[in-house]
Amino acid sequence: LYQVPEILSDAVIDKMGAMKAKKAMSDVPVLTHSKQGSVLRKADAIIFGSPTRFGQMSAQMKHFFDGLGGLWYENSFVGKIGSCFAGSGTQHGGQEVTLFSMITCMLHLGMNIVGLP
């Protein structure tokens, strides 16, 4: 279990009222750009998760996917199992569209997408 790097400052996170949540996740290691290759290359499957932000994955998750170009160039994800999950604070918060935004990235990486029936 890893979390993607935070791109917002602590001041912004505090104004959002999310500092308590950030502290609760402090024991989960951050998958920094320098660790991505060693961790993701040896994974048989990768499951991505993101909150829903206006029907899209979070900016942090998009930033993470955008940083995978070097591993994409090496075909590091081709044939790997991939899946994803999303959540929002409302019943009709755009979770399905958020999933498609992550699935599109996984398909471009060459992953085999697996879902639930």
C-alpha atoms as a PDB file:
ATOM      1  CA  LEU A   1       0.000   0.000   0.000  1.00  0.00           C
ATOM      2  CA  TYR A   2       1.373   3.383  -1.071  1.00  0.00           C
ATOM      3  CA  GLN A   3       0.043   6.879  -1.448  1.00  0.00           C
ATOM      4  CA  VAL A   4       0.903   9.196  -4.304  1.00  0.00           C
ATOM      5  CA  PRO A   5       2.851  12.369  -3.524  1.00  0.00           C
ATOM      6  CA  GLU A   6       0.854  15.339  -2.286  1.00  0.00           C
ATOM      7  CA  ILE A   7       1.072  18.383  -4.549  1.00  0.00           C
ATOM      8  CA  LEU A   8      -0.781  20.821  -2.289  1.00  0.00           C
ATOM      9  CA  SER A   9       0.946  22.801   0.430  1.00  0.00           C
ATOM     10  CA  ASP A  10       0.127  22.183   4.083  1.00  0.00           C
ATOM     11  CA  ALA A  11      -1.439  25.657   4.202  1.00  0.00           C
ATOM     12  CA  VAL A  12      -3.935  24.724   1.476  1.00  0.00           C
ATOM     13  CA  ILE A  13      -4.627  21.323   3.052  1.00  0.00           C
ATOM     14  CA  ASP A  14      -5.286  23.067   6.373  1.00  0.00           C
ATOM     15  CA  LYS A  15      -7.704  25.549   4.732  1.00  0.00           C
ATOM     16  CA  MET A  16      -9.539  22.581   3.209  1.00  0.00           C
ATOM     17  CA  GLY A  17      -9.939  21.076   6.665  1.00  0.00           C
ATOM     18  CA  ALA A  18      -8.010  17.980   5.581  1.00  0.00           C
ATOM     19  CA  MET A  19      -5.006  18.126   7.892  1.00  0.00           C
ATOM     20  CA  LYS A  20      -6.522  15.485  10.193  1.00  0.00           C
ATOM     21  CA  ALA A  21      -6.918  13.104   7.246  1.00  0.00           C
ATOM     22  CA  LYS A  22      -3.344  13.787   6.131  1.00  0.00           C
ATOM     23  CA  LYS A  23      -2.047  12.966   9.602  1.00  0.00           C
ATOM     24  CA  ALA A  24      -4.118   9.764   9.671  1.00  0.00           C
ATOM     25  CA  MET A  25      -2.335   8.623   6.497  1.00  0.00           C
ATOM     26  CA  SER A  26       1.155   9.540   7.715  1.00  0.00           C
ATOM     27  CA  ASP A  27       2.138   5.885   8.276  1.00  0.00           C
ATOM     28  CA  VAL A  28       1.403   4.986   4.625  1.00  0.00           C
ATOM     29  CA  PRO A  29       4.601   5.375   2.566  1.00  0.00           C
ATOM     30  CA  VAL A  30       4.635   7.812  -0.345  1.00  0.00           C
ATOM     31  CA  LEU A  31       5.544   6.334  -3.727  1.00  0.00           C
ATOM     32  CA  THR A  32       7.925   9.047  -4.854  1.00  0.00           C
ATOM     33  CA  HIS A  33       9.123   9.355  -8.427  1.00  0.00           C
ATOM     34  CA  SER A  34      12.510   7.903  -7.459  1.00  0.00           C
ATOM     35  CA  LYS A  35      10.854   4.761  -5.999  1.00  0.00           C
ATOM     36  CA  GLN A  36       8.315   4.177  -8.780  1.00  0.00           C
ATOM     37  CA  GLY A  37      10.490   1.960 -10.944  1.00  0.00           C
ATOM     38  CA  SER A  38      11.665  -0.402  -8.219  1.00  0.00           C
ATOM     39  CA  VAL A  39       8.174  -0.804  -6.753  1.00  0.00           C
ATOM     40  CA  LEU A  40       5.990  -0.909  -9.873  1.00  0.00           C
ATOM     41  CA  ARG A  41       8.243  -3.064 -12.074  1.00  0.00           C
ATOM     42  CA  LYS A  42       8.055  -6.000  -9.672  1.00  0.00           C
ATOM     43  CA  ALA A  43       4.297  -5.768  -9.031  1.00  0.00           C
ATOM     44  CA  ASP A  44       2.139  -8.476 -10.652  1.00  0.00           C
ATOM     45  CA  ALA A  45      -0.968  -6.315 -10.284  1.00  0.00           C
ATOM     46  CA  ILE A  46      -1.636  -2.689  -9.406  1.00  0.00           C
ATOM     47  CA  ILE A  47      -4.872  -1.302  -7.991  1.00  0.00           C
ATOM     48  CA  PHE A  48      -5.238   2.464  -8.108  1.00  0.00           C
ATOM     49  CA  GLY A  49      -7.668   4.451  -5.969  1.00  0.00           C
ATOM     50  CA  SER A  50      -8.708   8.066  -6.098  1.00  0.00           C
ATOM     51  CA  PRO A  51     -11.328  10.422  -4.742  1.00  0.00           C
ATOM     52  CA  THR A  52     -13.659  11.899  -7.319  1.00  0.00           C
ATOM     53  CA  ARG A  53     -12.988  15.508  -8.265  1.00  0.00           C
ATOM     54  CA  PHE A  54     -15.607  16.840 -10.669  1.00  0.00           C
ATOM     55  CA  GLY A  55     -15.880  13.451 -12.373  1.00  0.00           C
ATOM     56  CA  GLN A  56     -12.125  13.003 -12.665  1.00  0.00           C
ATOM     57  CA  MET A  57      -9.362  11.448 -10.614  1.00  0.00           C
ATOM     58  CA  SER A  58      -7.662  13.777  -8.161  1.00  0.00           C
ATOM     59  CA  ALA A  59      -4.925  16.103  -9.412  1.00  0.00           C
ATOM     60  CA  GLN A  60      -2.452  14.148  -7.290  1.00  0.00           C
ATOM     61  CA  MET A  61      -3.323  10.872  -9.035  1.00  0.00           C
ATOM     62  CA  LYS A  62      -3.194  12.519 -12.485  1.00  0.00           C
ATOM     63  CA  HIS A  63       0.216  13.961 -11.619  1.00  0.00           C
ATOM     64  CA  PHE A  64       1.325  10.452 -10.624  1.00  0.00           C
ATOM     65  CA  PHE A  65       0.117   8.912 -13.909  1.00  0.00           C
ATOM     66  CA  ASP A  66       1.745  11.745 -15.872  1.00  0.00           C
ATOM     67  CA  GLY A  67       5.061  10.894 -14.222  1.00  0.00           C
ATOM     68  CA  LEU A  68       5.062   7.297 -15.480  1.00  0.00           C
ATOM     69  CA  GLY A  69       6.343   8.159 -18.967  1.00  0.00           C
ATOM     70  CA  GLY A  70       9.753   6.594 -18.440  1.00  0.00           C
ATOM     71  CA  LEU A  71       8.265   3.306 -17.272  1.00  0.00           C
ATOM     72  CA  TRP A  72       5.742   3.446 -20.133  1.00  0.00           C
ATOM     73  CA  TYR A  73       8.628   3.843 -22.586  1.00  0.00           C
ATOM     74  CA  GLU A  74      10.208   0.686 -21.127  1.00  0.00           C
ATOM     75  CA  ASN A  75       6.896  -1.206 -21.488  1.00  0.00           C
ATOM     76  CA  SER A  76       7.027  -1.848 -17.742  1.00  0.00           C
ATOM     77  CA  PHE A  77       3.243  -2.132 -17.444  1.00  0.00           C
ATOM     78  CA  VAL A  78       2.449  -4.176 -20.545  1.00  0.00           C
ATOM     79  CA  GLY A  79       0.483  -7.253 -19.520  1.00  0.00           C
ATOM     80  CA  LYS A  80       0.213  -6.296 -15.836  1.00  0.00           C
ATOM     81  CA  ILE A  81      -3.167  -6.639 -14.165  1.00  0.00           C
ATOM     82  CA  GLY A  82      -4.699  -3.271 -13.357  1.00  0.00           C
ATOM     83  CA  SER A  83      -7.820  -2.205 -11.531  1.00  0.00           C
ATOM     84  CA  CYS A  84      -9.105   0.901  -9.798  1.00  0.00           C
ATOM     85  CA  PHE A  85     -11.653   2.249  -7.370  1.00  0.00           C
ATOM     86  CA  ALA A  86     -13.055   5.699  -6.672  1.00  0.00           C
ATOM     87  CA  GLY A  87     -15.156   7.368  -4.042  1.00  0.00           C
ATOM     88  CA  SER A  88     -17.051  10.571  -3.474  1.00  0.00           C
ATOM     89  CA  GLY A  89     -19.143  12.115  -0.751  1.00  0.00           C
ATOM     90  CA  THR A  90     -22.407  11.670  -2.630  1.00  0.00           C
ATOM     91  CA  GLN A  91     -24.335   8.830  -4.242  1.00  0.00           C
ATOM     92  CA  HIS A  92     -24.184  10.384  -7.712  1.00  0.00           C
ATOM     93  CA  GLY A  93     -20.759  12.000  -7.373  1.00  0.00           C
ATOM     94  CA  GLY A  94     -19.280  10.835 -10.668  1.00  0.00           C
ATOM     95  CA  GLN A  95     -17.500   7.691  -9.516  1.00  0.00           C
ATOM     96  CA  GLU A  96     -18.089   5.871 -12.815  1.00  0.00           C
ATOM     97  CA  VAL A  97     -16.568   8.678 -14.881  1.00  0.00           C
ATOM     98  CA  THR A  98     -13.656   8.876 -12.453  1.00  0.00           C
ATOM     99  CA  LEU A  99     -13.008   5.175 -12.984  1.00  0.00           C
ATOM    100  CA  PHE A 100     -12.922   5.704 -16.740  1.00  0.00           C
ATOM    101  CA  SER A 101     -10.364   8.497 -16.347  1.00  0.00           C
ATOM    102  CA  MET A 102      -8.058   6.058 -14.525  1.00  0.00           C
ATOM    103  CA  ILE A 103      -8.849   3.150 -16.866  1.00  0.00           C
ATOM    104  CA  THR A 104      -7.823   5.295 -19.843  1.00  0.00           C
ATOM    105  CA  CYS A 105      -4.401   5.840 -18.257  1.00  0.00           C
ATOM    106  CA  MET A 106      -4.024   2.125 -17.483  1.00  0.00           C
ATOM    107  CA  LEU A 107      -4.911   1.181 -21.071  1.00  0.00           C
ATOM    108  CA  HIS A 108      -2.297   3.608 -22.410  1.00  0.00           C
ATOM    109  CA  LEU A 109       0.243   1.951 -20.133  1.00  0.00           C
ATOM    110  CA  GLY A 110      -0.644  -1.443 -21.635  1.00  0.00           C
ATOM    111  CA  MET A 111      -2.308  -2.920 -18.575  1.00  0.00           C
ATOM    112  CA  ASN A 112      -4.975  -5.620 -18.609  1.00  0.00           C
ATOM    113  CA  ILE A 113      -7.996  -4.167 -16.835  1.00  0.00           C
ATOM    114  CA  VAL A 114      -9.846  -6.368 -14.362  1.00  0.00           C
ATOM    115  CA  GLY A 115     -13.124  -5.443 -12.705  1.00  0.00           C
ATOM    116  CA  LEU A 116     -15.849  -7.011 -10.633  1.00  0.00           C
ATOM    117  CA  PRO A 117     -18.899  -8.673 -12.212  1.00  0.00           C
END
